[in-house]
């Protein structure tokens, strides 16, 4: 059986935490990238800081996503996920 050597992960080597928020890259004078969350492909993660969703560098993505944190907080606390409709 051949021994496989695991590639070093650049995120771990640089002690970086992948961003979780939306992309801030401007696509024109009035609009920005529509990518909502930094996506990191497990096979590309070891060698790239690029987002799999939009292709922009991780530095263009915000570190936090308040919407995602709220969902995670509710999920951990067993909160109610019913959608509230106005009207």
C-alpha atoms as a PDB file:
ATOM      1  CA  UNK A   1       0.000   0.000   0.000  1.00  0.00           C
ATOM      2  CA  UNK A   2       1.477   3.338  -1.051  1.00  0.00           C
ATOM      3  CA  UNK A   3       1.820   5.985   1.610  1.00  0.00           C
ATOM      4  CA  UNK A   4       0.100   9.231   0.702  1.00  0.00           C
ATOM      5  CA  UNK A   5       1.636  12.433   1.892  1.00  0.00           C
ATOM      6  CA  UNK A   6      -0.896  15.066   2.879  1.00  0.00           C
ATOM      7  CA  UNK A   7      -0.410  18.483   1.274  1.00  0.00           C
ATOM      8  CA  UNK A   8       0.319  21.303   3.687  1.00  0.00           C
ATOM      9  CA  UNK A   9      -2.690  23.565   4.121  1.00  0.00           C
ATOM     10  CA  UNK A  10      -1.838  27.224   3.468  1.00  0.00           C
ATOM     11  CA  UNK A  11      -4.689  28.393   5.709  1.00  0.00           C
ATOM     12  CA  UNK A  12      -3.224  26.470   8.655  1.00  0.00           C
ATOM     13  CA  UNK A  13       0.380  27.413   7.842  1.00  0.00           C
ATOM     14  CA  UNK A  14      -0.435  31.125   7.752  1.00  0.00           C
ATOM     15  CA  UNK A  15      -2.740  30.763  10.771  1.00  0.00           C
ATOM     16  CA  UNK A  16      -5.585  32.392   8.827  1.00  0.00           C
ATOM     17  CA  UNK A  17      -9.264  31.840   9.461  1.00  0.00           C
ATOM     18  CA  UNK A  18     -11.288  31.658   6.224  1.00  0.00           C
ATOM     19  CA  UNK A  19     -13.764  34.535   5.890  1.00  0.00           C
ATOM     20  CA  UNK A  20     -17.467  33.733   6.107  1.00  0.00           C
ATOM     21  CA  UNK A  21     -19.067  36.881   4.768  1.00  0.00           C
ATOM     22  CA  UNK A  22     -20.065  38.293   1.397  1.00  0.00           C
ATOM     23  CA  UNK A  23     -17.675  39.576  -1.271  1.00  0.00           C
ATOM     24  CA  UNK A  24     -16.942  43.326  -1.369  1.00  0.00           C
ATOM     25  CA  UNK A  25     -15.229  43.351  -4.780  1.00  0.00           C
ATOM     26  CA  UNK A  26     -16.655  46.107  -6.979  1.00  0.00           C
ATOM     27  CA  UNK A  27     -17.744  44.866 -10.393  1.00  0.00           C
ATOM     28  CA  UNK A  28     -18.551  48.397 -11.592  1.00  0.00           C
ATOM     29  CA  UNK A  29     -18.919  51.923 -10.233  1.00  0.00           C
ATOM     30  CA  UNK A  30     -22.323  51.157  -8.712  1.00  0.00           C
ATOM     31  CA  UNK A  31     -22.431  47.409  -8.100  1.00  0.00           C
ATOM     32  CA  UNK A  32     -20.431  44.837  -6.209  1.00  0.00           C
ATOM     33  CA  UNK A  33     -19.956  41.098  -6.502  1.00  0.00           C
ATOM     34  CA  UNK A  34     -23.123  39.099  -5.857  1.00  0.00           C
ATOM     35  CA  UNK A  35     -21.286  36.309  -3.984  1.00  0.00           C
ATOM     36  CA  UNK A  36     -22.976  36.026  -0.594  1.00  0.00           C
ATOM     37  CA  UNK A  37     -20.499  33.740   1.211  1.00  0.00           C
ATOM     38  CA  UNK A  38     -16.855  32.777   0.840  1.00  0.00           C
ATOM     39  CA  UNK A  39     -16.771  29.212  -0.440  1.00  0.00           C
ATOM     40  CA  UNK A  40     -13.755  26.992   0.137  1.00  0.00           C
ATOM     41  CA  UNK A  41     -13.440  23.747  -1.784  1.00  0.00           C
ATOM     42  CA  UNK A  42     -11.845  21.007   0.361  1.00  0.00           C
ATOM     43  CA  UNK A  43      -9.406  19.980  -2.387  1.00  0.00           C
ATOM     44  CA  UNK A  44      -8.422  23.538  -3.323  1.00  0.00           C
ATOM     45  CA  UNK A  45      -8.234  24.776   0.272  1.00  0.00           C
ATOM     46  CA  UNK A  46      -4.671  23.584   0.730  1.00  0.00           C
ATOM     47  CA  UNK A  47      -3.325  25.680  -2.133  1.00  0.00           C
ATOM     48  CA  UNK A  48      -5.604  28.658  -2.758  1.00  0.00           C
ATOM     49  CA  UNK A  49      -7.067  31.731  -1.101  1.00  0.00           C
ATOM     50  CA  UNK A  50      -9.609  32.146  -3.921  1.00  0.00           C
ATOM     51  CA  UNK A  51     -13.362  31.865  -3.419  1.00  0.00           C
ATOM     52  CA  UNK A  52     -14.946  28.956  -5.249  1.00  0.00           C
ATOM     53  CA  UNK A  53     -18.169  30.914  -5.627  1.00  0.00           C
ATOM     54  CA  UNK A  54     -16.903  34.057  -7.360  1.00  0.00           C
ATOM     55  CA  UNK A  55     -13.184  33.471  -7.905  1.00  0.00           C
ATOM     56  CA  UNK A  56     -12.154  36.580  -5.972  1.00  0.00           C
ATOM     57  CA  UNK A  57      -9.365  36.487  -3.383  1.00  0.00           C
ATOM     58  CA  UNK A  58     -10.344  35.898   0.253  1.00  0.00           C
ATOM     59  CA  UNK A  59      -9.274  39.446   1.140  1.00  0.00           C
ATOM     60  CA  UNK A  60     -12.343  40.783  -0.726  1.00  0.00           C
ATOM     61  CA  UNK A  61     -14.730  38.834   1.527  1.00  0.00           C
ATOM     62  CA  UNK A  62     -15.862  40.089   4.903  1.00  0.00           C
ATOM     63  CA  UNK A  63     -14.737  38.028   7.859  1.00  0.00           C
ATOM     64  CA  UNK A  64     -18.207  37.734   9.383  1.00  0.00           C
ATOM     65  CA  UNK A  65     -21.737  37.126   8.208  1.00  0.00           C
ATOM     66  CA  UNK A  66     -24.293  38.410  10.709  1.00  0.00           C
ATOM     67  CA  UNK A  67     -27.117  36.498   9.025  1.00  0.00           C
ATOM     68  CA  UNK A  68     -25.223  33.215   9.233  1.00  0.00           C
ATOM     69  CA  UNK A  69     -24.235  33.861  12.841  1.00  0.00           C
ATOM     70  CA  UNK A  70     -27.890  34.475  13.744  1.00  0.00           C
ATOM     71  CA  UNK A  71     -28.980  31.209  12.128  1.00  0.00           C
ATOM     72  CA  UNK A  72     -26.172  29.330  13.884  1.00  0.00           C
ATOM     73  CA  UNK A  73     -27.081  30.937  17.215  1.00  0.00           C
ATOM     74  CA  UNK A  74     -30.745  29.919  16.823  1.00  0.00           C
ATOM     75  CA  UNK A  75     -29.789  26.420  15.750  1.00  0.00           C
ATOM     76  CA  UNK A  76     -27.506  25.924  18.763  1.00  0.00           C
ATOM     77  CA  UNK A  77     -30.116  27.253  21.179  1.00  0.00           C
ATOM     78  CA  UNK A  78     -32.910  25.172  19.638  1.00  0.00           C
ATOM     79  CA  UNK A  79     -34.734  28.337  18.636  1.00  0.00           C
ATOM     80  CA  UNK A  80     -37.828  28.624  16.521  1.00  0.00           C
ATOM     81  CA  UNK A  81     -37.139  28.763  12.768  1.00  0.00           C
ATOM     82  CA  UNK A  82     -40.646  29.650  11.637  1.00  0.00           C
ATOM     83  CA  UNK A  83     -40.786  32.373   9.058  1.00  0.00           C
ATOM     84  CA  UNK A  84     -42.766  35.357  10.118  1.00  0.00           C
ATOM     85  CA  UNK A  85     -44.838  36.932   7.380  1.00  0.00           C
ATOM     86  CA  UNK A  86     -45.910  40.523   7.557  1.00  0.00           C
ATOM     87  CA  UNK A  87     -49.535  41.113   6.898  1.00  0.00           C
END
